[in-house]
Amino acid sequence: MTPFYNFGDCEFTVVNIERTRYNKKQDKHIELKKPIETRQTTKKVSLYDLFDLVTEIQYHSKDLGYQDELEVKFRLTKEY
């Protein structure tokens, strides 16, 4: 009998990472010594299979910008 995998307590967090800033005095982008990370709202859901997990990741990754990241945390359980 094959097990079913559940993805419980999934958290999707969009992280905006700013690595450069525009300097008006020098008219160019300047690299920051430390990147600035800002976290947006976290969505918590429970998913029942891998297909649901992939569709949620695709849905949340549509709105990502050039330097944004999607952070995913979940708890994997196996049921028979």
Protein backbone atom coordinates (compact mmCIF):
# COMPACT_ATOMS: atom_id res chain seq x y z
CA MET A 1 0.00 0.00 0.00
CA THR A 2 1.43 3.39 -0.98
CA PRO A 3 1.37 6.20 1.57
CA PHE A 4 -0.31 9.57 1.11
CA TYR A 5 1.78 12.63 1.90
CA ASN A 6 0.12 15.64 3.51
CA PHE A 7 1.70 19.07 3.67
CA GLY A 8 0.37 20.61 6.87
CA ASP A 9 0.95 24.08 8.27
CA CYS A 10 2.31 25.47 4.97
CA GLU A 11 3.55 29.05 5.21
CA PHE A 12 4.14 31.15 2.10
CA THR A 13 6.09 34.36 2.70
CA VAL A 14 7.20 36.83 0.01
CA VAL A 15 10.59 38.33 0.83
CA ASN A 16 11.61 41.55 -0.95
CA ILE A 17 15.39 41.88 -1.16
CA GLU A 18 16.90 45.24 -2.03
CA ARG A 19 20.55 44.86 -3.05
CA THR A 20 21.04 48.21 -4.82
CA ARG A 21 19.76 51.75 -4.38
CA TYR A 22 19.65 54.63 -6.81
CA ASN A 23 21.77 57.62 -5.80
CA LYS A 24 20.54 60.90 -7.32
CA LYS A 25 23.82 62.73 -6.71
CA GLN A 26 25.90 60.18 -8.64
CA ASP A 27 23.11 59.23 -11.11
CA LYS A 28 23.69 55.48 -10.73
CA HIS A 29 22.76 52.46 -8.68
CA ILE A 30 25.00 51.72 -5.72
CA GLU A 31 25.47 48.25 -4.18
CA LEU A 32 24.40 48.02 -0.55
CA LYS A 33 26.81 46.46 1.95
CA LYS A 34 23.97 44.46 3.51
CA PRO A 35 20.83 43.64 1.51
CA ILE A 36 17.60 44.99 2.98
CA GLU A 37 14.97 42.27 3.44
CA THR A 38 11.32 43.12 3.96
CA ARG A 39 8.82 40.32 4.57
CA GLN A 40 5.27 40.62 3.35
CA THR A 41 2.20 38.86 4.69
CA THR A 42 2.33 35.15 5.36
CA LYS A 43 -0.40 32.83 4.15
CA LYS A 44 -0.97 29.63 6.16
CA VAL A 45 -2.77 26.68 4.55
CA SER A 46 -2.91 22.89 4.81
CA LEU A 47 -2.44 20.97 1.57
CA TYR A 48 -3.25 17.35 0.84
CA ASP A 49 -0.92 16.41 -2.00
CA LEU A 50 2.06 17.53 -4.05
CA PHE A 51 -0.13 18.94 -6.83
CA ASP A 52 -1.78 21.38 -4.39
CA LEU A 53 1.65 22.47 -3.15
CA VAL A 54 2.92 23.11 -6.69
CA THR A 55 -0.19 25.10 -7.66
CA GLU A 56 0.11 27.28 -4.54
CA ILE A 57 3.79 27.95 -5.30
CA GLN A 58 2.93 28.87 -8.89
CA TYR A 59 0.12 31.15 -7.73
CA HIS A 60 2.34 33.04 -5.29
CA SER A 61 5.32 33.22 -7.64
CA LYS A 62 3.34 35.13 -10.31
CA ASP A 63 3.58 38.39 -8.36
CA LEU A 64 7.29 38.15 -7.53
CA GLY A 65 9.54 40.98 -8.66
CA TYR A 66 13.06 40.88 -10.01
CA GLN A 67 14.80 40.56 -6.62
CA ASP A 68 11.99 38.91 -4.64
CA GLU A 69 12.00 35.43 -3.16
CA LEU A 70 9.23 33.10 -2.03
CA GLU A 71 9.88 31.33 1.26
CA VAL A 72 7.94 28.09 1.83
CA LYS A 73 7.80 26.15 5.12
CA PHE A 74 5.72 23.04 5.68
CA ARG A 75 5.34 19.93 7.82
CA LEU A 76 5.29 16.64 5.94
CA THR A 77 3.17 13.77 7.28
CA LYS A 78 2.65 10.33 5.83
CA GLU A 79 -0.66 8.46 6.05
CA TYR A 80 -1.64 4.99 4.91
